[in-house]
PDB file of N, CA and C in Angstrom:
ATOM      1  N   MET A   1     -13.366   0.035 -16.893  1.00  0.00           N
ATOM      2  CA  MET A   1     -14.146  -0.258 -15.709  1.00  0.00           C
ATOM      3  C   MET A   1     -13.207  -0.744 -14.608  1.00  0.00           C
ATOM      4  N   LEU A   2     -13.397  -0.233 -13.420  1.00  0.00           N
ATOM      5  CA  LEU A   2     -12.564  -0.613 -12.284  1.00  0.00           C
ATOM      6  C   LEU A   2     -12.996  -1.953 -11.708  1.00  0.00           C
ATOM      7  N   PRO A   3     -12.065  -2.700 -11.105  1.00  0.00           N
ATOM      8  CA  PRO A   3     -12.459  -3.920 -10.399  1.00  0.00           C
ATOM      9  C   PRO A   3     -13.472  -3.581  -9.317  1.00  0.00           C
ATOM     10  N   TRP A   4     -14.285  -4.551  -8.913  1.00  0.00           N
ATOM     11  CA  TRP A   4     -15.353  -4.298  -7.949  1.00  0.00           C
ATOM     12  C   TRP A   4     -14.833  -3.639  -6.684  1.00  0.00           C
ATOM     13  N   GLY A   5     -13.728  -4.127  -6.135  1.00  0.00           N
ATOM     14  CA  GLY A   5     -13.177  -3.554  -4.906  1.00  0.00           C
ATOM     15  C   GLY A   5     -12.809  -2.092  -5.070  1.00  0.00           C
ATOM     16  N   ALA A   6     -12.288  -1.743  -6.238  1.00  0.00           N
ATOM     17  CA  ALA A   6     -11.908  -0.354  -6.488  1.00  0.00           C
ATOM     18  C   ALA A   6     -13.137   0.533  -6.575  1.00  0.00           C
ATOM     19  N   GLN A   7     -14.212   0.041  -7.176  1.00  0.00           N
ATOM     20  CA  GLN A   7     -15.435   0.825  -7.271  1.00  0.00           C
ATOM     21  C   GLN A   7     -16.012   1.094  -5.887  1.00  0.00           C
ATOM     22  N   ALA A   8     -15.966   0.086  -5.024  1.00  0.00           N
ATOM     23  CA  ALA A   8     -16.527   0.228  -3.686  1.00  0.00           C
ATOM     24  C   ALA A   8     -15.696   1.168  -2.832  1.00  0.00           C
ATOM     25  N   ALA A   9     -14.399   1.248  -3.095  1.00  0.00           N
ATOM     26  CA  ALA A   9     -13.510   2.014  -2.229  1.00  0.00           C
ATOM     27  C   ALA A   9     -13.077   3.350  -2.823  1.00  0.00           C
ATOM     28  N   THR A  10     -13.513   3.666  -4.033  1.00  0.00           N
ATOM     29  CA  THR A  10     -13.087   4.905  -4.665  1.00  0.00           C
ATOM     30  C   THR A  10     -13.690   6.096  -3.937  1.00  0.00           C
ATOM     31  N   PRO A  11     -12.862   7.040  -3.495  1.00  0.00           N
ATOM     32  CA  PRO A  11     -13.387   8.198  -2.781  1.00  0.00           C
ATOM     33  C   PRO A  11     -14.176   9.117  -3.710  1.00  0.00           C
ATOM     34  N   PRO A  12     -15.069   9.915  -3.151  1.00  0.00           N
ATOM     35  CA  PRO A  12     -15.930  10.774  -3.987  1.00  0.00           C
ATOM     36  C   PRO A  12     -15.270  12.100  -4.369  1.00  0.00           C
ATOM     37  N   PHE A  13     -13.976  12.084  -4.676  1.00  0.00           N
ATOM     38  CA  PHE A  13     -13.308  13.306  -5.100  1.00  0.00           C
ATOM     39  C   PHE A  13     -12.394  13.003  -6.271  1.00  0.00           C
ATOM     40  N   GLN A  14     -12.012  14.044  -6.986  1.00  0.00           N
ATOM     41  CA  GLN A  14     -11.166  13.901  -8.162  1.00  0.00           C
ATOM     42  C   GLN A  14      -9.722  14.266  -7.820  1.00  0.00           C
ATOM     43  N   ALA A  15      -8.795  13.598  -8.464  1.00  0.00           N
ATOM     44  CA  ALA A  15      -7.381  13.919  -8.276  1.00  0.00           C
ATOM     45  C   ALA A  15      -7.077  15.255  -8.934  1.00  0.00           C
ATOM     46  N   GLY A  16      -6.214  16.003  -8.312  1.00  0.00           N
ATOM     47  CA  GLY A  16      -5.805  17.286  -8.854  1.00  0.00           C
ATOM     48  C   GLY A  16      -4.306  17.336  -9.044  1.00  0.00           C
ATOM     49  N   SER A  17      -3.837  18.462  -9.495  1.00  0.00           N
ATOM     50  CA  SER A  17      -2.402  18.644  -9.692  1.00  0.00           C
ATOM     51  C   SER A  17      -1.701  18.844  -8.357  1.00  0.00           C
ATOM     52  N   ILE A  18      -0.428  18.497  -8.343  1.00  0.00           N
ATOM     53  CA  ILE A  18       0.395  18.677  -7.157  1.00  0.00           C
ATOM     54  C   ILE A  18       1.335  19.850  -7.404  1.00  0.00           C
ATOM     55  N   ASN A  19       1.393  20.743  -6.452  1.00  0.00           N
ATOM     56  CA  ASN A  19       2.307  21.877  -6.531  1.00  0.00           C
ATOM     57  C   ASN A  19       3.530  21.544  -5.690  1.00  0.00           C
ATOM     58  N   PRO A  20       4.683  21.254  -6.311  1.00  0.00           N
ATOM     59  CA  PRO A  20       5.858  20.824  -5.553  1.00  0.00           C
ATOM     60  C   PRO A  20       6.385  21.869  -4.576  1.00  0.00           C
ATOM     61  N   SER A  21       6.002  23.127  -4.733  1.00  0.00           N
ATOM     62  CA  SER A  21       6.485  24.139  -3.798  1.00  0.00           C
ATOM     63  C   SER A  21       5.718  24.115  -2.477  1.00  0.00           C
ATOM     64  N   ILE A  22       4.526  23.497  -2.466  1.00  0.00           N
ATOM     65  CA  ILE A  22       3.772  23.419  -1.206  1.00  0.00           C
ATOM     66  C   ILE A  22       3.408  21.997  -0.796  1.00  0.00           C
ATOM     67  N   HIS A  23       3.390  21.062  -1.745  1.00  0.00           N
ATOM     68  CA  HIS A  23       3.058  19.669  -1.433  1.00  0.00           C
ATOM     69  C   HIS A  23       4.330  18.842  -1.352  1.00  0.00           C
ATOM     70  N   HIS A  24       4.443  18.050  -0.332  1.00  0.00           N
ATOM     71  CA  HIS A  24       5.595  17.173  -0.152  1.00  0.00           C
ATOM     72  C   HIS A  24       5.162  15.732  -0.381  1.00  0.00           C
ATOM     73  N   PHE A  25       6.137  14.862  -0.691  1.00  0.00           N
ATOM     74  CA  PHE A  25       5.814  13.468  -0.987  1.00  0.00           C
ATOM     75  C   PHE A  25       4.981  12.836   0.116  1.00  0.00           C
ATOM     76  N   HIS A  26       5.368  13.018   1.380  1.00  0.00           N
ATOM     77  CA  HIS A  26       4.632  12.367   2.467  1.00  0.00           C
ATOM     78  C   HIS A  26       3.210  12.903   2.586  1.00  0.00           C
ATOM     79  N   ASP A  27       2.959  14.152   2.204  1.00  0.00           N
ATOM     80  CA  ASP A  27       1.595  14.681   2.219  1.00  0.00           C
ATOM     81  C   ASP A  27       0.746  13.990   1.161  1.00  0.00           C
ATOM     82  N   VAL A  28       1.318  13.826  -0.018  1.00  0.00           N
ATOM     83  CA  VAL A  28       0.593  13.203  -1.124  1.00  0.00           C
ATOM     84  C   VAL A  28       0.398  11.713  -0.870  1.00  0.00           C
ATOM     85  N   TYR A  29       1.431  11.038  -0.361  1.00  0.00           N
ATOM     86  CA  TYR A  29       1.368   9.592  -0.137  1.00  0.00           C
ATOM     87  C   TYR A  29       0.186   9.217   0.749  1.00  0.00           C
ATOM     88  N   TYR A  30      -0.026   9.941   1.820  1.00  0.00           N
ATOM     89  CA  TYR A  30      -1.094   9.578   2.747  1.00  0.00           C
ATOM     90  C   TYR A  30      -2.481   9.902   2.218  1.00  0.00           C
ATOM     91  N   THR A  31      -2.576  10.624   1.107  1.00  0.00           N
ATOM     92  CA  THR A  31      -3.882  10.840   0.491  1.00  0.00           C
ATOM     93  C   THR A  31      -4.230   9.725  -0.479  1.00  0.00           C
ATOM     94  N   LEU A  32      -3.245   8.883  -0.838  1.00  0.00           N
ATOM     95  CA  LEU A  32      -3.496   7.771  -1.752  1.00  0.00           C
ATOM     96  C   LEU A  32      -4.124   6.602  -1.008  1.00  0.00           C
ATOM     97  N   GLN A  33      -5.041   5.949  -1.667  1.00  0.00           N
ATOM     98  CA  GLN A  33      -5.622   4.733  -1.124  1.00  0.00           C
ATOM     99  C   GLN A  33      -4.546   3.658  -1.150  1.00  0.00           C
ATOM    100  N   HIS A  34      -4.207   3.084   0.012  1.00  0.00           N
ATOM    101  CA  HIS A  34      -3.215   2.013   0.047  1.00  0.00           C
ATOM    102  C   HIS A  34      -3.554   1.034   1.164  1.00  0.00           C
ATOM    103  N   ASN A  35      -2.812  -0.046   1.227  1.00  0.00           N
ATOM    104  CA  ASN A  35      -3.156  -1.185   2.070  1.00  0.00           C
ATOM    105  C   ASN A  35      -2.551  -1.133   3.468  1.00  0.00           C
ATOM    106  N   SER A  36      -2.228   0.021   3.958  1.00  0.00           N
ATOM    107  CA  SER A  36      -1.542   0.142   5.240  1.00  0.00           C
ATOM    108  C   SER A  36      -2.239  -0.655   6.348  1.00  0.00           C
ATOM    109  N   TYR A  37      -1.491  -1.468   7.025  1.00  0.00           N
ATOM    110  CA  TYR A  37      -1.931  -2.301   8.149  1.00  0.00           C
ATOM    111  C   TYR A  37      -2.882  -3.425   7.759  1.00  0.00           C
ATOM    112  N   ASP A  38      -3.059  -3.700   6.497  1.00  0.00           N
ATOM    113  CA  ASP A  38      -3.858  -4.844   6.073  1.00  0.00           C
ATOM    114  C   ASP A  38      -2.928  -5.996   5.731  1.00  0.00           C
ATOM    115  N   TYR A  39      -3.437  -7.208   5.824  1.00  0.00           N
ATOM    116  CA  TYR A  39      -2.633  -8.402   5.559  1.00  0.00           C
ATOM    117  C   TYR A  39      -3.220  -9.165   4.378  1.00  0.00           C
ATOM    118  N   GLY A  40      -2.360  -9.808   3.613  1.00  0.00           N
ATOM    119  CA  GLY A  40      -2.806 -10.615   2.495  1.00  0.00           C
ATOM    120  C   GLY A  40      -1.734 -11.603   2.111  1.00  0.00           C
ATOM    121  N   SER A  41      -2.125 -12.595   1.337  1.00  0.00           N
ATOM    122  CA  SER A  41      -1.176 -13.649   0.981  1.00  0.00           C
ATOM    123  C   SER A  41      -0.472 -13.403  -0.350  1.00  0.00           C
ATOM    124  N   THR A  42      -0.986 -12.488  -1.171  1.00  0.00           N
ATOM    125  CA  THR A  42      -0.348 -12.215  -2.457  1.00  0.00           C
ATOM    126  C   THR A  42      -0.338 -10.717  -2.739  1.00  0.00           C
ATOM    127  N   LEU A  43       0.661 -10.277  -3.486  1.00  0.00           N
ATOM    128  CA  LEU A  43       0.730  -8.872  -3.877  1.00  0.00           C
ATOM    129  C   LEU A  43      -0.381  -8.529  -4.862  1.00  0.00           C
ATOM    130  N   THR A  44      -0.665  -9.423  -5.780  1.00  0.00           N
ATOM    131  CA  THR A  44      -1.667  -9.117  -6.801  1.00  0.00           C
ATOM    132  C   THR A  44      -3.061  -8.949  -6.220  1.00  0.00           C
ATOM    133  N   SER A  45      -3.331  -9.528  -5.069  1.00  0.00           N
ATOM    134  CA  SER A  45      -4.666  -9.364  -4.477  1.00  0.00           C
ATOM    135  C   SER A  45      -4.935  -7.899  -4.159  1.00  0.00           C
ATOM    136  N   TRP A  46      -3.901  -7.153  -3.756  1.00  0.00           N
ATOM    137  CA  TRP A  46      -4.099  -5.726  -3.463  1.00  0.00           C
ATOM    138  C   TRP A  46      -4.432  -4.969  -4.742  1.00  0.00           C
ATOM    139  N   LEU A  47      -3.752  -5.293  -5.821  1.00  0.00           N
ATOM    140  CA  LEU A  47      -4.017  -4.627  -7.092  1.00  0.00           C
ATOM    141  C   LEU A  47      -5.387  -5.022  -7.628  1.00  0.00           C
ATOM    142  N   ASP A  48      -5.761  -6.289  -7.477  1.00  0.00           N
ATOM    143  CA  ASP A  48      -7.073  -6.752  -7.918  1.00  0.00           C
ATOM    144  C   ASP A  48      -8.199  -6.065  -7.151  1.00  0.00           C
ATOM    145  N   GLN A  49      -7.934  -5.688  -5.900  1.00  0.00           N
ATOM    146  CA  GLN A  49      -8.943  -5.002  -5.092  1.00  0.00           C
ATOM    147  C   GLN A  49      -9.036  -3.517  -5.424  1.00  0.00           C
ATOM    148  N   GLY A  50      -8.130  -3.036  -6.278  1.00  0.00           N
ATOM    149  CA  GLY A  50      -8.206  -1.655  -6.724  1.00  0.00           C
ATOM    150  C   GLY A  50      -7.287  -0.692  -6.021  1.00  0.00           C
ATOM    151  N   PHE A  51      -6.413  -1.186  -5.150  1.00  0.00           N
ATOM    152  CA  PHE A  51      -5.470  -0.281  -4.505  1.00  0.00           C
ATOM    153  C   PHE A  51      -4.532   0.297  -5.554  1.00  0.00           C
ATOM    154  N   ARG A  52      -4.268   1.582  -5.464  1.00  0.00           N
ATOM    155  CA  ARG A  52      -3.383   2.234  -6.422  1.00  0.00           C
ATOM    156  C   ARG A  52      -1.961   2.314  -5.904  1.00  0.00           C
ATOM    157  N   SER A  53      -1.787   2.123  -4.617  1.00  0.00           N
ATOM    158  CA  SER A  53      -0.468   2.185  -3.998  1.00  0.00           C
ATOM    159  C   SER A  53      -0.384   1.052  -2.991  1.00  0.00           C
ATOM    160  N   VAL A  54       0.690   0.299  -3.020  1.00  0.00           N
ATOM    161  CA  VAL A  54       0.868  -0.839  -2.119  1.00  0.00           C
ATOM    162  C   VAL A  54       2.109  -0.591  -1.280  1.00  0.00           C
ATOM    163  N   GLU A  55       1.945  -0.664   0.030  1.00  0.00           N
ATOM    164  CA  GLU A  55       3.066  -0.446   0.938  1.00  0.00           C
ATOM    165  C   GLU A  55       3.616  -1.786   1.394  1.00  0.00           C
ATOM    166  N   LEU A  56       4.913  -1.984   1.212  1.00  0.00           N
ATOM    167  CA  LEU A  56       5.576  -3.223   1.609  1.00  0.00           C
ATOM    168  C   LEU A  56       6.734  -2.902   2.539  1.00  0.00           C
ATOM    169  N   ASP A  57       6.772  -3.546   3.665  1.00  0.00           N
ATOM    170  CA  ASP A  57       7.907  -3.439   4.579  1.00  0.00           C
ATOM    171  C   ASP A  57       8.525  -4.819   4.681  1.00  0.00           C
ATOM    172  N   VAL A  58       9.809  -4.931   4.358  1.00  0.00           N
ATOM    173  CA  VAL A  58      10.486  -6.225   4.404  1.00  0.00           C
ATOM    174  C   VAL A  58      11.165  -6.382   5.755  1.00  0.00           C
ATOM    175  N   ILE A  59      10.846  -7.477   6.435  1.00  0.00           N
ATOM    176  CA  ILE A  59      11.448  -7.782   7.730  1.00  0.00           C
ATOM    177  C   ILE A  59      12.492  -8.863   7.512  1.00  0.00           C
ATOM    178  N   ASP A  60      13.731  -8.524   7.744  1.00  0.00           N
ATOM    179  CA  ASP A  60      14.815  -9.494   7.621  1.00  0.00           C
ATOM    180  C   ASP A  60      15.839  -9.199   8.711  1.00  0.00           C
ATOM    181  N   LYS A  61      15.404  -9.278   9.950  1.00  0.00           N
ATOM    182  CA  LYS A  61      16.289  -9.018  11.080  1.00  0.00           C
ATOM    183  C   LYS A  61      15.827  -9.830  12.279  1.00  0.00           C
ATOM    184  N   GLU A  62      16.695  -9.956  13.239  1.00  0.00           N
ATOM    185  CA  GLU A  62      16.436 -10.657  14.487  1.00  0.00           C
ATOM    186  C   GLU A  62      15.949 -12.081  14.217  1.00  0.00           C
ATOM    187  N   ASP A  63      14.864 -12.509  14.833  1.00  0.00           N
ATOM    188  CA  ASP A  63      14.394 -13.893  14.710  1.00  0.00           C
ATOM    189  C   ASP A  63      14.049 -14.280  13.274  1.00  0.00           C
ATOM    190  N   TRP A  64      13.668 -13.306  12.454  1.00  0.00           N
ATOM    191  CA  TRP A  64      13.296 -13.613  11.079  1.00  0.00           C
ATOM    192  C   TRP A  64      14.491 -14.091  10.263  1.00  0.00           C
ATOM    193  N   GLU A  65      15.694 -13.663  10.635  1.00  0.00           N
ATOM    194  CA  GLU A  65      16.888 -14.049   9.879  1.00  0.00           C
ATOM    195  C   GLU A  65      17.111 -15.552   9.877  1.00  0.00           C
ATOM    196  N   ASP A  66      16.744 -16.220  10.958  1.00  0.00           N
ATOM    197  CA  ASP A  66      16.997 -17.652  11.093  1.00  0.00           C
ATOM    198  C   ASP A  66      15.868 -18.527  10.562  1.00  0.00           C
ATOM    199  N   ASN A  67      14.791 -17.928  10.112  1.00  0.00           N
ATOM    200  CA  ASN A  67      13.654 -18.688   9.619  1.00  0.00           C
ATOM    201  C   ASN A  67      13.871 -19.018   8.146  1.00  0.00           C
ATOM    202  N   ALA A  68      13.786 -20.287   7.805  1.00  0.00           N
ATOM    203  CA  ALA A  68      14.036 -20.726   6.423  1.00  0.00           C
ATOM    204  C   ALA A  68      13.046 -20.129   5.431  1.00  0.00           C
ATOM    205  N   ASN A  69      11.875 -19.691   5.900  1.00  0.00           N
ATOM    206  CA  ASN A  69      10.864 -19.118   5.008  1.00  0.00           C
ATOM    207  C   ASN A  69      10.997 -17.603   4.851  1.00  0.00           C
ATOM    208  N   GLY A  70      11.909 -16.977   5.575  1.00  0.00           N
ATOM    209  CA  GLY A  70      12.069 -15.523   5.524  1.00  0.00           C
ATOM    210  C   GLY A  70      12.907 -15.103   4.330  1.00  0.00           C
ATOM    211  N   PRO A  71      13.095 -13.821   4.038  1.00  0.00           N
ATOM    212  CA  PRO A  71      12.496 -12.719   4.791  1.00  0.00           C
ATOM    213  C   PRO A  71      11.010 -12.565   4.483  1.00  0.00           C
ATOM    214  N   TYR A  72      10.343 -11.825   5.324  1.00  0.00           N
ATOM    215  CA  TYR A  72       8.911 -11.622   5.175  1.00  0.00           C
ATOM    216  C   TYR A  72       8.629 -10.182   4.797  1.00  0.00           C
ATOM    217  N   VAL A  73       7.511  -9.988   4.137  1.00  0.00           N
ATOM    218  CA  VAL A  73       7.033  -8.643   3.855  1.00  0.00           C
ATOM    219  C   VAL A  73       5.916  -8.383   4.843  1.00  0.00           C
ATOM    220  N   SER A  74       6.042  -7.289   5.570  1.00  0.00           N
ATOM    221  CA  SER A  74       5.061  -7.008   6.611  1.00  0.00           C
ATOM    222  C   SER A  74       4.962  -5.516   6.842  1.00  0.00           C
ATOM    223  N   HIS A  75       3.942  -5.128   7.561  1.00  0.00           N
ATOM    224  CA  HIS A  75       3.771  -3.744   7.975  1.00  0.00           C
ATOM    225  C   HIS A  75       3.688  -3.729   9.485  1.00  0.00           C
ATOM    226  N   GLY A  76       4.530  -2.999  10.111  1.00  0.00           N
ATOM    227  CA  GLY A  76       4.537  -2.935  11.567  1.00  0.00           C
ATOM    228  C   GLY A  76       5.874  -3.399  12.105  1.00  0.00           C
ATOM    229  N   THR A  77       5.946  -3.500  13.421  1.00  0.00           N
ATOM    230  CA  THR A  77       7.198  -3.926  14.041  1.00  0.00           C
ATOM    231  C   THR A  77       6.989  -5.155  14.889  1.00  0.00           C
TER     232      THR A  77
END
């Protein structure tokens, strides 16, 4: 049984096979349910909500370098 969040967010289609001669990684990646542009305080919260793919961008440059609490994981610039 899927976690409640996963049940609510599961799309009404079935996964199929990928043909590497016509499907590219970036095509497949954007079809996966993931947390793009969402914010949260823990990594496990995304998995508990049923996300199958979690996108993490680590910011460790410019002003973030001097912050004692950095580096940060974020999405965006």
